[in-house]
Amino acid sequence: YTTFDSFSEETFRLIVKPKSVKVNGLAINEMKNNSSEGWSWQPLDKGGIFKIKQSKGNTIEIKMD
């Protein structure tokens, strides 16, 4: 997906945990919390909550498998 600004914070409910996340083609790290740049996953009974905080671009790629 794409964002309007190069800095963004989003929250999504997904069916499965992402395998990897890239911003403008560069991988970003999974974090234990969303206080710094990266992404986090909070599991739920079905799927989970995916949060991303980034400042490196506006094209985000979430790989699920």
PDB file of N, CA and C in Angstrom:
ATOM      1  N   TYR A   1       0.838  -1.165   0.000  1.00  0.00           N
ATOM      2  CA  TYR A   1       0.000   0.000   0.000  1.00  0.00           C
ATOM      3  C   TYR A   1       0.890   1.237   0.000  1.00  0.00           C
ATOM      4  N   THR A   2       0.295   2.382  -0.275  1.00  0.00           N
ATOM      5  CA  THR A   2       1.047   3.636  -0.260  1.00  0.00           C
ATOM      6  C   THR A   2       0.399   4.607   0.716  1.00  0.00           C
ATOM      7  N   THR A   3       1.233   5.484   1.245  1.00  0.00           N
ATOM      8  CA  THR A   3       0.755   6.517   2.152  1.00  0.00           C
ATOM      9  C   THR A   3       1.009   7.884   1.519  1.00  0.00           C
ATOM     10  N   PHE A   4       0.350   8.897   2.019  1.00  0.00           N
ATOM     11  CA  PHE A   4       0.520  10.243   1.499  1.00  0.00           C
ATOM     12  C   PHE A   4       1.873  10.831   1.905  1.00  0.00           C
ATOM     13  N   ASP A   5       2.228  10.669   3.180  1.00  0.00           N
ATOM     14  CA  ASP A   5       3.476  11.211   3.708  1.00  0.00           C
ATOM     15  C   ASP A   5       4.546  10.134   3.840  1.00  0.00           C
ATOM     16  N   SER A   6       5.801  10.570   3.913  1.00  0.00           N
ATOM     17  CA  SER A   6       6.910   9.627   4.109  1.00  0.00           C
ATOM     18  C   SER A   6       6.978   9.119   5.543  1.00  0.00           C
ATOM     19  N   PHE A   7       6.399   9.839   6.501  1.00  0.00           N
ATOM     20  CA  PHE A   7       6.315   9.381   7.882  1.00  0.00           C
ATOM     21  C   PHE A   7       4.878   8.941   8.140  1.00  0.00           C
ATOM     22  N   SER A   8       4.714   7.743   8.698  1.00  0.00           N
ATOM     23  CA  SER A   8       3.353   7.289   8.964  1.00  0.00           C
ATOM     24  C   SER A   8       3.316   6.284  10.108  1.00  0.00           C
ATOM     25  N   GLU A   9       2.154   6.191  10.713  1.00  0.00           N
ATOM     26  CA  GLU A   9       1.839   5.187  11.723  1.00  0.00           C
ATOM     27  C   GLU A   9       0.461   4.645  11.378  1.00  0.00           C
ATOM     28  N   GLU A  10       0.359   3.324  11.188  1.00  0.00           N
ATOM     29  CA  GLU A  10      -0.919   2.707  10.866  1.00  0.00           C
ATOM     30  C   GLU A  10      -1.142   1.496  11.757  1.00  0.00           C
ATOM     31  N   THR A  11      -2.415   1.144  11.896  1.00  0.00           N
ATOM     32  CA  THR A  11      -2.823  -0.050  12.634  1.00  0.00           C
ATOM     33  C   THR A  11      -3.809  -0.812  11.768  1.00  0.00           C
ATOM     34  N   PHE A  12      -3.571  -2.130  11.632  1.00  0.00           N
ATOM     35  CA  PHE A  12      -4.444  -2.995  10.845  1.00  0.00           C
ATOM     36  C   PHE A  12      -4.773  -4.245  11.641  1.00  0.00           C
ATOM     37  N   ARG A  13      -5.920  -4.807  11.417  1.00  0.00           N
ATOM     38  CA  ARG A  13      -6.232  -6.138  11.928  1.00  0.00           C
ATOM     39  C   ARG A  13      -6.051  -7.084  10.751  1.00  0.00           C
ATOM     40  N   LEU A  14      -5.154  -8.072  10.931  1.00  0.00           N
ATOM     41  CA  LEU A  14      -4.826  -9.020   9.866  1.00  0.00           C
ATOM     42  C   LEU A  14      -5.166 -10.440  10.290  1.00  0.00           C
ATOM     43  N   ILE A  15      -5.307 -11.318   9.318  1.00  0.00           N
ATOM     44  CA  ILE A  15      -5.624 -12.718   9.580  1.00  0.00           C
ATOM     45  C   ILE A  15      -4.394 -13.483  10.062  1.00  0.00           C
ATOM     46  N   VAL A  16      -3.214 -13.171   9.493  1.00  0.00           N
ATOM     47  CA  VAL A  16      -1.971 -13.862   9.868  1.00  0.00           C
ATOM     48  C   VAL A  16      -0.867 -12.833  10.113  1.00  0.00           C
ATOM     49  N   LYS A  17       0.138 -13.253  10.882  1.00  0.00           N
ATOM     50  CA  LYS A  17       1.284 -12.398  11.163  1.00  0.00           C
ATOM     51  C   LYS A  17       2.138 -12.255   9.903  1.00  0.00           C
ATOM     52  N   PRO A  18       2.562 -11.048   9.571  1.00  0.00           N
ATOM     53  CA  PRO A  18       3.426 -10.862   8.405  1.00  0.00           C
ATOM     54  C   PRO A  18       4.758 -11.604   8.569  1.00  0.00           C
ATOM     55  N   LYS A  19       5.290 -12.054   7.460  1.00  0.00           N
ATOM     56  CA  LYS A  19       6.627 -12.675   7.443  1.00  0.00           C
ATOM     57  C   LYS A  19       7.705 -11.603   7.371  1.00  0.00           C
ATOM     58  N   SER A  20       7.411 -10.524   6.618  1.00  0.00           N
ATOM     59  CA  SER A  20       8.362  -9.422   6.498  1.00  0.00           C
ATOM     60  C   SER A  20       7.621  -8.159   6.074  1.00  0.00           C
ATOM     61  N   VAL A  21       8.263  -7.026   6.347  1.00  0.00           N
ATOM     62  CA  VAL A  21       7.694  -5.731   5.979  1.00  0.00           C
ATOM     63  C   VAL A  21       8.814  -4.887   5.380  1.00  0.00           C
ATOM     64  N   LYS A  22       8.529  -4.245   4.247  1.00  0.00           N
ATOM     65  CA  LYS A  22       9.497  -3.370   3.591  1.00  0.00           C
ATOM     66  C   LYS A  22       8.893  -1.996   3.373  1.00  0.00           C
ATOM     67  N   VAL A  23       9.733  -0.974   3.480  1.00  0.00           N
ATOM     68  CA  VAL A  23       9.346   0.403   3.179  1.00  0.00           C
ATOM     69  C   VAL A  23      10.269   0.889   2.069  1.00  0.00           C
ATOM     70  N   ASN A  24       9.679   1.265   0.939  1.00  0.00           N
ATOM     71  CA  ASN A  24      10.447   1.663  -0.253  1.00  0.00           C
ATOM     72  C   ASN A  24      11.521   0.633  -0.596  1.00  0.00           C
ATOM     73  N   GLY A  25      11.188  -0.653  -0.448  1.00  0.00           N
ATOM     74  CA  GLY A  25      12.083  -1.752  -0.820  1.00  0.00           C
ATOM     75  C   GLY A  25      13.078  -2.159   0.251  1.00  0.00           C
ATOM     76  N   LEU A  26      13.138  -1.466   1.385  1.00  0.00           N
ATOM     77  CA  LEU A  26      14.075  -1.792   2.461  1.00  0.00           C
ATOM     78  C   LEU A  26      13.336  -2.424   3.630  1.00  0.00           C
ATOM     79  N   ALA A  27      13.851  -3.558   4.117  1.00  0.00           N
ATOM     80  CA  ALA A  27      13.216  -4.261   5.233  1.00  0.00           C
ATOM     81  C   ALA A  27      13.281  -3.432   6.507  1.00  0.00           C
ATOM     82  N   ILE A  28      12.201  -3.476   7.279  1.00  0.00           N
ATOM     83  CA  ILE A  28      12.202  -2.859   8.607  1.00  0.00           C
ATOM     84  C   ILE A  28      11.995  -3.968   9.632  1.00  0.00           C
ATOM     85  N   ASN A  29      12.462  -3.733  10.851  1.00  0.00           N
ATOM     86  CA  ASN A  29      12.472  -4.757  11.889  1.00  0.00           C
ATOM     87  C   ASN A  29      11.166  -4.844  12.652  1.00  0.00           C
ATOM     88  N   GLU A  30      10.897  -6.066  13.130  1.00  0.00           N
ATOM     89  CA  GLU A  30       9.803  -6.266  14.066  1.00  0.00           C
ATOM     90  C   GLU A  30      10.274  -5.787  15.437  1.00  0.00           C
ATOM     91  N   MET A  31       9.406  -5.072  16.131  1.00  0.00           N
ATOM     92  CA  MET A  31       9.727  -4.546  17.453  1.00  0.00           C
ATOM     93  C   MET A  31       8.785  -5.163  18.482  1.00  0.00           C
ATOM     94  N   LYS A  32       9.214  -5.208  19.725  1.00  0.00           N
ATOM     95  CA  LYS A  32       8.356  -5.721  20.805  1.00  0.00           C
ATOM     96  C   LYS A  32       7.193  -4.777  21.073  1.00  0.00           C
ATOM     97  N   ASN A  33       7.408  -3.487  20.899  1.00  0.00           N
ATOM     98  CA  ASN A  33       6.343  -2.499  21.040  1.00  0.00           C
ATOM     99  C   ASN A  33       6.484  -1.520  19.890  1.00  0.00           C
ATOM    100  N   ASN A  34       5.593  -0.611  19.791  1.00  0.00           N
ATOM    101  CA  ASN A  34       5.602   0.312  18.656  1.00  0.00           C
ATOM    102  C   ASN A  34       6.103   1.698  19.063  1.00  0.00           C
ATOM    103  N   SER A  35       7.043   1.749  20.019  1.00  0.00           N
ATOM    104  CA  SER A  35       7.552   3.042  20.469  1.00  0.00           C
ATOM    105  C   SER A  35       8.653   3.589  19.566  1.00  0.00           C
ATOM    106  N   SER A  36       9.304   2.706  18.789  1.00  0.00           N
ATOM    107  CA  SER A  36      10.333   3.159  17.860  1.00  0.00           C
ATOM    108  C   SER A  36       9.958   2.696  16.456  1.00  0.00           C
ATOM    109  N   GLU A  37      10.754   3.074  15.496  1.00  0.00           N
ATOM    110  CA  GLU A  37      10.462   2.729  14.108  1.00  0.00           C
ATOM    111  C   GLU A  37      10.515   1.224  13.901  1.00  0.00           C
ATOM    112  N   GLY A  38       9.538   0.693  13.208  1.00  0.00           N
ATOM    113  CA  GLY A  38       9.447  -0.731  12.929  1.00  0.00           C
ATOM    114  C   GLY A  38       7.993  -1.160  12.941  1.00  0.00           C
ATOM    115  N   TRP A  39       7.782  -2.468  13.115  1.00  0.00           N
ATOM    116  CA  TRP A  39       6.414  -2.971  13.162  1.00  0.00           C
ATOM    117  C   TRP A  39       6.262  -3.925  14.333  1.00  0.00           C
ATOM    118  N   SER A  40       5.021  -4.074  14.786  1.00  0.00           N
ATOM    119  CA  SER A  40       4.747  -4.969  15.913  1.00  0.00           C
ATOM    120  C   SER A  40       3.501  -5.794  15.613  1.00  0.00           C
ATOM    121  N   TRP A  41       3.380  -6.905  16.334  1.00  0.00           N
ATOM    122  CA  TRP A  41       2.271  -7.830  16.164  1.00  0.00           C
ATOM    123  C   TRP A  41       1.718  -8.199  17.529  1.00  0.00           C
ATOM    124  N   GLN A  42       0.424  -8.054  17.693  1.00  0.00           N
ATOM    125  CA  GLN A  42      -0.266  -8.459  18.911  1.00  0.00           C
ATOM    126  C   GLN A  42      -1.251  -9.554  18.532  1.00  0.00           C
ATOM    127  N   PRO A  43      -0.958 -10.823  18.898  1.00  0.00           N
ATOM    128  CA  PRO A  43      -1.858 -11.913  18.506  1.00  0.00           C
ATOM    129  C   PRO A  43      -3.210 -11.836  19.211  1.00  0.00           C
ATOM    130  N   LEU A  44      -4.241 -12.241  18.499  1.00  0.00           N
ATOM    131  CA  LEU A  44      -5.593 -12.356  19.029  1.00  0.00           C
ATOM    132  C   LEU A  44      -6.050 -13.801  18.839  1.00  0.00           C
ATOM    133  N   ASP A  45      -7.242 -14.153  19.305  1.00  0.00           N
ATOM    134  CA  ASP A  45      -7.755 -15.513  19.108  1.00  0.00           C
ATOM    135  C   ASP A  45      -7.782 -15.879  17.624  1.00  0.00           C
ATOM    136  N   LYS A  46      -8.163 -14.916  16.789  1.00  0.00           N
ATOM    137  CA  LYS A  46      -8.151 -15.103  15.333  1.00  0.00           C
ATOM    138  C   LYS A  46      -7.370 -13.941  14.742  1.00  0.00           C
ATOM    139  N   GLY A  47      -6.202 -14.206  14.173  1.00  0.00           N
ATOM    140  CA  GLY A  47      -5.391 -13.152  13.576  1.00  0.00           C
ATOM    141  C   GLY A  47      -4.705 -12.315  14.632  1.00  0.00           C
ATOM    142  N   GLY A  48      -4.569 -11.018  14.345  1.00  0.00           N
ATOM    143  CA  GLY A  48      -3.898 -10.142  15.287  1.00  0.00           C
ATOM    144  C   GLY A  48      -3.916  -8.699  14.832  1.00  0.00           C
ATOM    145  N   ILE A  49      -3.278  -7.857  15.649  1.00  0.00           N
ATOM    146  CA  ILE A  49      -3.169  -6.431  15.370  1.00  0.00           C
ATOM    147  C   ILE A  49      -1.751  -6.139  14.899  1.00  0.00           C
ATOM    148  N   PHE A  50      -1.634  -5.585  13.708  1.00  0.00           N
ATOM    149  CA  PHE A  50      -0.367  -5.203  13.100  1.00  0.00           C
ATOM    150  C   PHE A  50      -0.247  -3.689  13.185  1.00  0.00           C
ATOM    151  N   LYS A  51       0.862  -3.202  13.768  1.00  0.00           N
ATOM    152  CA  LYS A  51       1.118  -1.765  13.837  1.00  0.00           C
ATOM    153  C   LYS A  51       2.457  -1.479  13.181  1.00  0.00           C
ATOM    154  N   ILE A  52       2.507  -0.396  12.439  1.00  0.00           N
ATOM    155  CA  ILE A  52       3.745   0.005  11.775  1.00  0.00           C
ATOM    156  C   ILE A  52       3.990   1.486  12.041  1.00  0.00           C
ATOM    157  N   LYS A  53       5.252   1.797  12.287  1.00  0.00           N
ATOM    158  CA  LYS A  53       5.691   3.183  12.470  1.00  0.00           C
ATOM    159  C   LYS A  53       6.953   3.330  11.636  1.00  0.00           C
ATOM    160  N   GLN A  54       6.915   4.247  10.659  1.00  0.00           N
ATOM    161  CA  GLN A  54       8.058   4.361   9.751  1.00  0.00           C
ATOM    162  C   GLN A  54       8.216   5.784   9.259  1.00  0.00           C
ATOM    163  N   SER A  55       9.452   6.095   8.835  1.00  0.00           N
ATOM    164  CA  SER A  55       9.751   7.435   8.322  1.00  0.00           C
ATOM    165  C   SER A  55      10.695   7.375   7.129  1.00  0.00           C
ATOM    166  N   LYS A  56      10.675   6.271   6.404  1.00  0.00           N
ATOM    167  CA  LYS A  56      11.629   6.076   5.315  1.00  0.00           C
ATOM    168  C   LYS A  56      11.011   6.100   3.926  1.00  0.00           C
ATOM    169  N   GLY A  57       9.701   6.308   3.827  1.00  0.00           N
ATOM    170  CA  GLY A  57       9.108   6.336   2.507  1.00  0.00           C
ATOM    171  C   GLY A  57       7.599   6.202   2.567  1.00  0.00           C
ATOM    172  N   ASN A  58       6.987   6.076   1.407  1.00  0.00           N
ATOM    173  CA  ASN A  58       5.536   5.985   1.385  1.00  0.00           C
ATOM    174  C   ASN A  58       5.006   4.743   0.678  1.00  0.00           C
ATOM    175  N   THR A  59       5.873   3.796   0.311  1.00  0.00           N
ATOM    176  CA  THR A  59       5.422   2.556  -0.283  1.00  0.00           C
ATOM    177  C   THR A  59       5.742   1.418   0.678  1.00  0.00           C
ATOM    178  N   ILE A  60       4.709   0.783   1.237  1.00  0.00           N
ATOM    179  CA  ILE A  60       4.878  -0.254   2.232  1.00  0.00           C
ATOM    180  C   ILE A  60       4.455  -1.591   1.643  1.00  0.00           C
ATOM    181  N   GLU A  61       5.281  -2.602   1.811  1.00  0.00           N
ATOM    182  CA  GLU A  61       4.995  -3.948   1.318  1.00  0.00           C
ATOM    183  C   GLU A  61       4.955  -4.894   2.518  1.00  0.00           C
ATOM    184  N   ILE A  62       3.818  -5.570   2.690  1.00  0.00           N
ATOM    185  CA  ILE A  62       3.659  -6.532   3.769  1.00  0.00           C
ATOM    186  C   ILE A  62       3.605  -7.919   3.132  1.00  0.00           C
ATOM    187  N   LYS A  63       4.588  -8.772   3.434  1.00  0.00           N
ATOM    188  CA  LYS A  63       4.625 -10.124   2.881  1.00  0.00           C
ATOM    189  C   LYS A  63       4.024 -11.071   3.898  1.00  0.00           C
ATOM    190  N   MET A  64       3.003 -11.802   3.474  1.00  0.00           N
ATOM    191  CA  MET A  64       2.284 -12.698   4.380  1.00  0.00           C
ATOM    192  C   MET A  64       2.746 -14.153   4.295  1.00  0.00           C
ATOM    193  N   ASP A  65       3.328 -14.572   3.204  1.00  0.00           N
ATOM    194  CA  ASP A  65       3.750 -15.985   3.095  1.00  0.00           C
ATOM    195  C   ASP A  65       5.154 -16.109   2.573  1.00  0.00           C
TER     196      ASP A  65
END
